[in-house]
Amino acid sequence: MAIRTKAGKLFLDFRWRGIRCREFTGLLDTVENRRRLRAFDLTIAGEIALGTFDYRKHFANGARLREFYGGEDARRDASEPSIAQYLTAWHQRRSPFRRDGTVAAGADLHPSTWIHDESVIRCHLAPAFGTLRLTHLTWAHCKSFRKELQDGGRSGKTAQNILGVLHKAMADAVEEGLLASNPVPQSRRKTARHVSRSNSDPLTVAEVRLFLSNVPDWHRELYDVWFRVGWRPSEILAIRFDWIDFYR
């Protein structure tokens, strides 16, 4: 097996069942990507040597699917939903909104959570896993994706929150009988440890009054309410007038 480049991007070049396979990864030719691909290359070489290699498992959209598995398998794969298709349908089913835009009473999800999940699917999960067939998602895909997120500057908590949306979706796919088990790893619970935190130092009543007397007129009511409710910035900025019970 060999790792080669074309147009500045890496691909694997190997033989299986006497057929040459050139599988393009879309990864740029960098030191880090070569290191990752070498690990993947060793995995494939080991599976081929042991006789456990499954081309479909690693290359769900590979050019050799029809040659290795025949037309029937290719038709089965084509009829299976992609992860992007499943996530889109799954997310719509969980919507807390009615057709007229109002929030359904007793909705399982808060509107802000549903909107956040849509952003995670659109910005992260669909680009990363979109074309992959549902049953082809593996634990290794998820671990590699988590590392890409952290290498891109996102914290471990943010990366886990993004994967958490995928985990919930795949858990529902298991309940629907579409998957045998959930391939997305759950976050590991860390043992409790003492964390030193600085004491909060809220404004005094006099300081609040001084602040409100100096804030521009068009922001004063916002801050007046904010001081009273003590919400997080994201919560108070996300509020919509039709969610407020003005009478009470």
C-alpha atoms as a PDB file:
ATOM      1  CA  MET A   1       0.000   0.000   0.000  1.00  0.00           C
ATOM      2  CA  ALA A   2       1.107   3.567  -0.623  1.00  0.00           C
ATOM      3  CA  ILE A   3       0.103   7.137   0.152  1.00  0.00           C
ATOM      4  CA  ARG A   4       0.266   9.317  -2.938  1.00  0.00           C
ATOM      5  CA  THR A   5      -0.681  12.844  -3.959  1.00  0.00           C
ATOM      6  CA  LYS A   6      -2.567  14.370  -6.853  1.00  0.00           C
ATOM      7  CA  ALA A   7      -3.225  18.085  -7.262  1.00  0.00           C
ATOM      8  CA  GLY A   8      -1.908  18.631  -3.740  1.00  0.00           C
ATOM      9  CA  LYS A   9      -4.304  16.143  -2.120  1.00  0.00           C
ATOM     10  CA  LEU A  10      -3.668  12.708  -0.660  1.00  0.00           C
ATOM     11  CA  PHE A  11      -5.020   9.354  -1.793  1.00  0.00           C
ATOM     12  CA  LEU A  12      -4.435   5.703  -0.901  1.00  0.00           C
ATOM     13  CA  ASP A  13      -3.137   3.306  -3.522  1.00  0.00           C
ATOM     14  CA  PHE A  14      -3.541  -0.405  -2.705  1.00  0.00           C
ATOM     15  CA  ARG A  15      -4.702  -3.742  -4.116  1.00  0.00           C
ATOM     16  CA  TRP A  16      -7.511  -5.959  -2.824  1.00  0.00           C
ATOM     17  CA  ARG A  17      -8.802  -9.143  -4.436  1.00  0.00           C
ATOM     18  CA  GLY A  18      -6.328  -8.497  -7.232  1.00  0.00           C
ATOM     19  CA  ILE A  19      -7.888  -5.124  -8.103  1.00  0.00           C
ATOM     20  CA  ARG A  20      -6.029  -1.848  -7.771  1.00  0.00           C
ATOM     21  CA  CYS A  21      -7.852   0.725  -5.614  1.00  0.00           C
ATOM     22  CA  ARG A  22      -7.049   4.420  -5.610  1.00  0.00           C
ATOM     23  CA  GLU A  23      -9.139   6.062  -2.934  1.00  0.00           C
ATOM     24  CA  PHE A  24      -9.041   9.846  -2.792  1.00  0.00           C
ATOM     25  CA  THR A  25      -9.388  11.411   0.653  1.00  0.00           C
ATOM     26  CA  GLY A  26      -9.721  15.111  -0.152  1.00  0.00           C
ATOM     27  CA  LEU A  27      -7.064  15.829   2.496  1.00  0.00           C
ATOM     28  CA  LEU A  28      -4.385  18.384   1.749  1.00  0.00           C
ATOM     29  CA  ASP A  29      -0.813  17.112   1.618  1.00  0.00           C
ATOM     30  CA  THR A  30       0.348  18.238   5.067  1.00  0.00           C
ATOM     31  CA  VAL A  31       2.495  16.576   7.715  1.00  0.00           C
ATOM     32  CA  GLU A  32      -0.498  16.097  10.029  1.00  0.00           C
ATOM     33  CA  ASN A  33      -2.739  14.667   7.307  1.00  0.00           C
ATOM     34  CA  ARG A  34       0.004  12.276   6.209  1.00  0.00           C
ATOM     35  CA  ARG A  35       0.358  11.107   9.811  1.00  0.00           C
ATOM     36  CA  ARG A  36      -3.394  10.457  10.048  1.00  0.00           C
ATOM     37  CA  LEU A  37      -3.472   8.680   6.713  1.00  0.00           C
ATOM     38  CA  ARG A  38      -0.542   6.468   7.666  1.00  0.00           C
ATOM     39  CA  ALA A  39      -2.512   5.269  10.700  1.00  0.00           C
ATOM     40  CA  PHE A  40      -5.519   4.575   8.471  1.00  0.00           C
ATOM     41  CA  ASP A  41      -3.246   2.821   5.974  1.00  0.00           C
ATOM     42  CA  LEU A  42      -1.925   0.506   8.700  1.00  0.00           C
ATOM     43  CA  THR A  43      -5.489  -0.339   9.764  1.00  0.00           C
ATOM     44  CA  ILE A  44      -6.450  -1.331   6.232  1.00  0.00           C
ATOM     45  CA  ALA A  45      -3.244  -3.301   5.691  1.00  0.00           C
ATOM     46  CA  GLY A  46      -3.845  -5.200   8.937  1.00  0.00           C
ATOM     47  CA  GLU A  47      -7.435  -6.043   8.012  1.00  0.00           C
ATOM     48  CA  ILE A  48      -6.386  -7.240   4.558  1.00  0.00           C
ATOM     49  CA  ALA A  49      -3.717  -9.452   6.128  1.00  0.00           C
ATOM     50  CA  LEU A  50      -6.247 -10.923   8.589  1.00  0.00           C
ATOM     51  CA  GLY A  51      -8.906 -11.360   5.921  1.00  0.00           C
ATOM     52  CA  THR A  52     -11.384  -9.081   7.718  1.00  0.00           C
ATOM     53  CA  PHE A  53     -11.212  -6.088   5.351  1.00  0.00           C
ATOM     54  CA  ASP A  54     -14.595  -4.742   4.210  1.00  0.00           C
ATOM     55  CA  TYR A  55     -14.242  -2.178   1.434  1.00  0.00           C
ATOM     56  CA  ARG A  56     -17.713  -0.735   2.110  1.00  0.00           C
ATOM     57  CA  LYS A  57     -16.907  -0.032   5.752  1.00  0.00           C
ATOM     58  CA  HIS A  58     -14.037   2.330   4.921  1.00  0.00           C
ATOM     59  CA  PHE A  59     -15.046   3.600   1.467  1.00  0.00           C
ATOM     60  CA  ALA A  60     -18.822   3.973   1.495  1.00  0.00           C
ATOM     61  CA  ASN A  61     -18.754   5.883  -1.795  1.00  0.00           C
ATOM     62  CA  GLY A  62     -15.791   4.095  -3.321  1.00  0.00           C
ATOM     63  CA  ALA A  63     -15.439   3.693  -7.067  1.00  0.00           C
ATOM     64  CA  ARG A  64     -15.004  -0.105  -6.734  1.00  0.00           C
ATOM     65  CA  LEU A  65     -18.262  -0.881  -4.889  1.00  0.00           C
ATOM     66  CA  ARG A  66     -19.948  -2.418  -7.919  1.00  0.00           C
ATOM     67  CA  GLU A  67     -16.914  -4.535  -8.818  1.00  0.00           C
ATOM     68  CA  PHE A  68     -16.536  -5.949  -5.318  1.00  0.00           C
ATOM     69  CA  TYR A  69     -20.187  -6.353  -4.313  1.00  0.00           C
ATOM     70  CA  GLY A  70     -22.211  -6.341  -7.530  1.00  0.00           C
ATOM     71  CA  GLY A  71     -25.221  -4.351  -8.685  1.00  0.00           C
ATOM     72  CA  GLU A  72     -27.570  -5.614  -5.965  1.00  0.00           C
ATOM     73  CA  ASP A  73     -25.366  -4.255  -3.214  1.00  0.00           C
ATOM     74  CA  ALA A  74     -24.923  -0.983  -5.041  1.00  0.00           C
ATOM     75  CA  ARG A  75     -28.710  -0.616  -5.338  1.00  0.00           C
ATOM     76  CA  ARG A  76     -29.115  -1.353  -1.622  1.00  0.00           C
ATOM     77  CA  ASP A  77     -26.551   1.299  -0.741  1.00  0.00           C
ATOM     78  CA  ALA A  78     -28.227   3.793  -3.052  1.00  0.00           C
ATOM     79  CA  SER A  79     -31.608   3.253  -1.361  1.00  0.00           C
ATOM     80  CA  GLU A  80     -30.180   3.726   2.138  1.00  0.00           C
ATOM     81  CA  PRO A  81     -30.416   7.315   3.407  1.00  0.00           C
ATOM     82  CA  SER A  82     -27.270   9.354   3.771  1.00  0.00           C
ATOM     83  CA  ILE A  83     -26.476  10.827   7.166  1.00  0.00           C
ATOM     84  CA  ALA A  84     -27.391  14.303   5.880  1.00  0.00           C
ATOM     85  CA  GLN A  85     -30.792  13.052   4.700  1.00  0.00           C
ATOM     86  CA  TYR A  86     -31.487  11.309   7.997  1.00  0.00           C
ATOM     87  CA  LEU A  87     -30.379  14.307  10.091  1.00  0.00           C
ATOM     88  CA  THR A  88     -32.589  16.663   8.084  1.00  0.00           C
ATOM     89  CA  ALA A  89     -35.687  14.483   8.522  1.00  0.00           C
ATOM     90  CA  TRP A  90     -34.853  13.771  12.185  1.00  0.00           C
ATOM     91  CA  HIS A  91     -34.452  17.457  12.963  1.00  0.00           C
ATOM     92  CA  GLN A  92     -37.746  18.390  11.304  1.00  0.00           C
ATOM     93  CA  ARG A  93     -39.597  15.741  13.322  1.00  0.00           C
ATOM     94  CA  ARG A  94     -38.372  17.341  16.559  1.00  0.00           C
ATOM     95  CA  SER A  95     -39.491  20.874  15.696  1.00  0.00           C
ATOM     96  CA  PRO A  96     -41.324  22.644  18.559  1.00  0.00           C
ATOM     97  CA  PHE A  97     -42.949  25.056  16.082  1.00  0.00           C
ATOM     98  CA  ARG A  98     -46.403  24.770  14.559  1.00  0.00           C
ATOM     99  CA  ARG A  99     -47.036  25.640  10.918  1.00  0.00           C
ATOM    100  CA  ASP A 100     -48.083  29.170  11.912  1.00  0.00           C
ATOM    101  CA  GLY A 101     -44.758  29.760  13.683  1.00  0.00           C
ATOM    102  CA  THR A 102     -46.087  29.494  17.237  1.00  0.00           C
ATOM    103  CA  VAL A 103     -44.545  27.126  19.769  1.00  0.00           C
ATOM    104  CA  ALA A 104     -46.483  23.942  20.464  1.00  0.00           C
ATOM    105  CA  ALA A 105     -47.603  23.457  24.068  1.00  0.00           C
ATOM    106  CA  GLY A 106     -45.604  20.727  25.772  1.00  0.00           C
ATOM    107  CA  ALA A 107     -42.947  20.595  23.048  1.00  0.00           C
ATOM    108  CA  ASP A 108     -40.036  18.292  23.894  1.00  0.00           C
ATOM    109  CA  LEU A 109     -37.459  20.872  22.798  1.00  0.00           C
ATOM    110  CA  HIS A 110     -37.082  24.521  23.651  1.00  0.00           C
ATOM    111  CA  PRO A 111     -37.061  26.625  20.447  1.00  0.00           C
ATOM    112  CA  SER A 112     -33.529  27.876  21.123  1.00  0.00           C
ATOM    113  CA  THR A 113     -32.258  24.278  21.468  1.00  0.00           C
ATOM    114  CA  TRP A 114     -33.913  23.277  18.193  1.00  0.00           C
ATOM    115  CA  ILE A 115     -32.419  26.301  16.403  1.00  0.00           C
ATOM    116  CA  HIS A 116     -28.992  25.524  17.888  1.00  0.00           C
ATOM    117  CA  ASP A 117     -29.186  21.908  16.696  1.00  0.00           C
ATOM    118  CA  GLU A 118     -30.076  23.076  13.177  1.00  0.00           C
ATOM    119  CA  SER A 119     -26.956  25.236  13.142  1.00  0.00           C
ATOM    120  CA  VAL A 120     -24.798  22.307  14.316  1.00  0.00           C
ATOM    121  CA  ILE A 121     -26.201  20.045  11.582  1.00  0.00           C
ATOM    122  CA  ARG A 122     -25.840  22.657   8.828  1.00  0.00           C
ATOM    123  CA  CYS A 123     -22.399  23.990   9.782  1.00  0.00           C
ATOM    124  CA  HIS A 124     -20.650  20.862  11.081  1.00  0.00           C
ATOM    125  CA  LEU A 125     -22.353  17.483  10.757  1.00  0.00           C
ATOM    126  CA  ALA A 126     -23.708  17.692   7.206  1.00  0.00           C
ATOM    127  CA  PRO A 127     -20.380  18.906   5.704  1.00  0.00           C
ATOM    128  CA  ALA A 128     -18.409  16.250   7.609  1.00  0.00           C
ATOM    129  CA  PHE A 129     -20.679  13.189   7.237  1.00  0.00           C
ATOM    130  CA  GLY A 130     -23.336  14.215   4.710  1.00  0.00           C
ATOM    131  CA  THR A 131     -22.608  11.804   1.865  1.00  0.00           C
ATOM    132  CA  LEU A 132     -21.800   8.860   4.147  1.00  0.00           C
ATOM    133  CA  ARG A 133     -24.519   6.214   4.308  1.00  0.00           C
ATOM    134  CA  LEU A 134     -26.202   5.818   7.680  1.00  0.00           C
ATOM    135  CA  THR A 135     -24.933   2.292   8.383  1.00  0.00           C
ATOM    136  CA  HIS A 136     -21.388   3.176   7.319  1.00  0.00           C
ATOM    137  CA  LEU A 137     -20.754   5.632  10.147  1.00  0.00           C
ATOM    138  CA  THR A 138     -18.109   4.246  12.504  1.00  0.00           C
ATOM    139  CA  TRP A 139     -16.574   5.079  15.858  1.00  0.00           C
ATOM    140  CA  ALA A 140     -13.337   5.932  14.015  1.00  0.00           C
ATOM    141  CA  HIS A 141     -15.134   8.519  11.853  1.00  0.00           C
ATOM    142  CA  CYS A 142     -16.439  10.235  14.973  1.00  0.00           C
ATOM    143  CA  LYS A 143     -13.091  10.244  16.782  1.00  0.00           C
ATOM    144  CA  SER A 144     -11.364  11.654  13.716  1.00  0.00           C
ATOM    145  CA  PHE A 145     -14.047  14.356  13.396  1.00  0.00           C
ATOM    146  CA  ARG A 146     -13.647  15.332  17.048  1.00  0.00           C
ATOM    147  CA  LYS A 147      -9.900  15.736  16.544  1.00  0.00           C
ATOM    148  CA  GLU A 148     -10.470  17.894  13.445  1.00  0.00           C
ATOM    149  CA  LEU A 149     -12.717  20.179  15.477  1.00  0.00           C
ATOM    150  CA  GLN A 150     -10.136  20.541  18.234  1.00  0.00           C
ATOM    151  CA  ASP A 151      -7.307  21.008  15.749  1.00  0.00           C
ATOM    152  CA  GLY A 152      -9.428  23.807  14.262  1.00  0.00           C
ATOM    153  CA  GLY A 153      -9.373  25.652  17.576  1.00  0.00           C
ATOM    154  CA  ARG A 154     -12.591  24.475  19.209  1.00  0.00           C
ATOM    155  CA  SER A 155     -12.544  23.404  22.836  1.00  0.00           C
ATOM    156  CA  GLY A 156     -13.099  19.820  23.897  1.00  0.00           C
ATOM    157  CA  LYS A 157     -16.482  20.793  25.360  1.00  0.00           C
ATOM    158  CA  THR A 158     -17.603  22.454  22.115  1.00  0.00           C
ATOM    159  CA  ALA A 159     -16.468  19.428  20.086  1.00  0.00           C
ATOM    160  CA  GLN A 160     -18.351  17.091  22.415  1.00  0.00           C
ATOM    161  CA  ASN A 161     -21.491  19.227  22.240  1.00  0.00           C
ATOM    162  CA  ILE A 162     -21.412  19.013  18.442  1.00  0.00           C
ATOM    163  CA  LEU A 163     -20.963  15.241  18.569  1.00  0.00           C
ATOM    164  CA  GLY A 164     -23.721  15.124  21.187  1.00  0.00           C
ATOM    165  CA  VAL A 165     -26.273  16.169  18.554  1.00  0.00           C
ATOM    166  CA  LEU A 166     -25.076  13.347  16.280  1.00  0.00           C
ATOM    167  CA  HIS A 167     -25.235  10.901  19.192  1.00  0.00           C
ATOM    168  CA  LYS A 168     -28.878  11.803  19.902  1.00  0.00           C
ATOM    169  CA  ALA A 169     -29.801  11.387  16.233  1.00  0.00           C
ATOM    170  CA  MET A 170     -28.078   8.004  15.947  1.00  0.00           C
ATOM    171  CA  ALA A 171     -29.725   6.845  19.201  1.00  0.00           C
ATOM    172  CA  ASP A 172     -33.096   7.521  17.585  1.00  0.00           C
ATOM    173  CA  ALA A 173     -31.940   5.655  14.458  1.00  0.00           C
ATOM    174  CA  VAL A 174     -31.222   2.634  16.678  1.00  0.00           C
ATOM    175  CA  GLU A 175     -34.739   2.834  18.159  1.00  0.00           C
ATOM    176  CA  GLU A 176     -36.177   3.012  14.640  1.00  0.00           C
ATOM    177  CA  GLY A 177     -34.341  -0.183  13.717  1.00  0.00           C
ATOM    178  CA  LEU A 178     -32.100   1.526  11.159  1.00  0.00           C
ATOM    179  CA  LEU A 179     -28.902   0.834  13.122  1.00  0.00           C
ATOM    180  CA  ALA A 180     -27.856  -2.106  15.283  1.00  0.00           C
ATOM    181  CA  SER A 181     -25.957   0.116  17.726  1.00  0.00           C
ATOM    182  CA  ASN A 182     -24.977   3.752  18.196  1.00  0.00           C
ATOM    183  CA  PRO A 183     -21.538   4.368  16.591  1.00  0.00           C
ATOM    184  CA  VAL A 184     -21.074   7.783  18.216  1.00  0.00           C
ATOM    185  CA  PRO A 185     -19.068   7.622  21.454  1.00  0.00           C
ATOM    186  CA  GLN A 186     -20.613   9.247  24.504  1.00  0.00           C
ATOM    187  CA  SER A 187     -18.721  11.840  26.516  1.00  0.00           C
ATOM    188  CA  ARG A 188     -16.709  10.378  29.335  1.00  0.00           C
ATOM    189  CA  ARG A 189     -17.742  11.455  32.792  1.00  0.00           C
ATOM    190  CA  LYS A 190     -14.839  13.056  34.557  1.00  0.00           C
ATOM    191  CA  THR A 191     -14.294  12.450  38.243  1.00  0.00           C
ATOM    192  CA  ALA A 192     -15.224  15.397  40.377  1.00  0.00           C
ATOM    193  CA  ARG A 193     -12.334  17.636  41.291  1.00  0.00           C
ATOM    194  CA  HIS A 194     -12.027  20.851  43.174  1.00  0.00           C
ATOM    195  CA  VAL A 195     -11.869  23.886  40.941  1.00  0.00           C
ATOM    196  CA  SER A 196     -10.886  27.246  42.315  1.00  0.00           C
ATOM    197  CA  ARG A 197     -13.251  29.968  41.214  1.00  0.00           C
ATOM    198  CA  SER A 198     -13.003  33.677  41.796  1.00  0.00           C
ATOM    199  CA  ASN A 199     -15.828  35.173  43.819  1.00  0.00           C
ATOM    200  CA  SER A 200     -18.411  37.097  41.828  1.00  0.00           C
ATOM    201  CA  ASP A 201     -18.503  40.833  42.347  1.00  0.00           C
ATOM    202  CA  PRO A 202     -21.914  42.095  41.185  1.00  0.00           C
ATOM    203  CA  LEU A 203     -22.705  45.773  40.866  1.00  0.00           C
ATOM    204  CA  THR A 204     -24.273  47.468  43.843  1.00  0.00           C
ATOM    205  CA  VAL A 205     -27.666  49.153  43.566  1.00  0.00           C
ATOM    206  CA  ALA A 206     -25.925  52.531  43.370  1.00  0.00           C
ATOM    207  CA  GLU A 207     -23.613  51.266  40.613  1.00  0.00           C
ATOM    208  CA  VAL A 208     -26.573  49.881  38.649  1.00  0.00           C
ATOM    209  CA  ARG A 209     -28.325  53.244  38.857  1.00  0.00           C
ATOM    210  CA  LEU A 210     -25.163  55.019  37.746  1.00  0.00           C
ATOM    211  CA  PHE A 211     -24.789  52.618  34.795  1.00  0.00           C
ATOM    212  CA  LEU A 212     -28.415  53.063  33.701  1.00  0.00           C
ATOM    213  CA  SER A 213     -28.146  56.825  33.918  1.00  0.00           C
ATOM    214  CA  ASN A 214     -25.237  56.784  31.468  1.00  0.00           C
ATOM    215  CA  VAL A 215     -26.239  54.045  29.011  1.00  0.00           C
ATOM    216  CA  PRO A 216     -27.695  55.331  25.672  1.00  0.00           C
ATOM    217  CA  ASP A 217     -31.473  55.730  25.689  1.00  0.00           C
ATOM    218  CA  TRP A 218     -32.094  53.002  23.098  1.00  0.00           C
ATOM    219  CA  HIS A 219     -30.336  50.422  25.304  1.00  0.00           C
ATOM    220  CA  ARG A 220     -31.572  51.517  28.735  1.00  0.00           C
ATOM    221  CA  GLU A 221     -34.701  49.357  28.896  1.00  0.00           C
ATOM    222  CA  LEU A 222     -32.765  46.286  27.757  1.00  0.00           C
ATOM    223  CA  TYR A 223     -30.229  46.681  30.562  1.00  0.00           C
ATOM    224  CA  ASP A 224     -32.928  47.593  33.086  1.00  0.00           C
ATOM    225  CA  VAL A 225     -34.680  44.266  32.429  1.00  0.00           C
ATOM    226  CA  TRP A 226     -31.343  42.427  32.274  1.00  0.00           C
ATOM    227  CA  PHE A 227     -30.308  43.597  35.744  1.00  0.00           C
ATOM    228  CA  ARG A 228     -33.643  42.440  37.113  1.00  0.00           C
ATOM    229  CA  VAL A 229     -33.749  38.917  35.622  1.00  0.00           C
ATOM    230  CA  GLY A 230     -30.021  38.094  35.659  1.00  0.00           C
ATOM    231  CA  TRP A 231     -30.145  35.958  32.524  1.00  0.00           C
ATOM    232  CA  ARG A 232     -27.223  34.905  30.361  1.00  0.00           C
ATOM    233  CA  PRO A 233     -26.492  37.167  27.347  1.00  0.00           C
ATOM    234  CA  SER A 234     -27.631  34.489  24.878  1.00  0.00           C
ATOM    235  CA  GLU A 235     -30.917  34.047  26.746  1.00  0.00           C
ATOM    236  CA  ILE A 236     -31.942  37.682  26.864  1.00  0.00           C
ATOM    237  CA  LEU A 237     -30.889  38.355  23.257  1.00  0.00           C
ATOM    238  CA  ALA A 238     -32.814  35.310  22.010  1.00  0.00           C
ATOM    239  CA  ILE A 239     -36.113  36.250  23.679  1.00  0.00           C
ATOM    240  CA  ARG A 240     -39.065  36.948  21.378  1.00  0.00           C
ATOM    241  CA  PHE A 241     -41.973  39.203  22.231  1.00  0.00           C
ATOM    242  CA  ASP A 242     -44.563  36.473  21.599  1.00  0.00           C
ATOM    243  CA  TRP A 243     -42.921  34.350  24.326  1.00  0.00           C
ATOM    244  CA  ILE A 244     -43.609  37.001  26.985  1.00  0.00           C
ATOM    245  CA  ASP A 245     -46.728  37.023  29.167  1.00  0.00           C
ATOM    246  CA  PHE A 246     -47.184  40.805  29.323  1.00  0.00           C
ATOM    247  CA  TYR A 247     -50.360  40.505  31.418  1.00  0.00           C
ATOM    248  CA  ARG A 248     -48.585  38.766  34.285  1.00  0.00           C
END
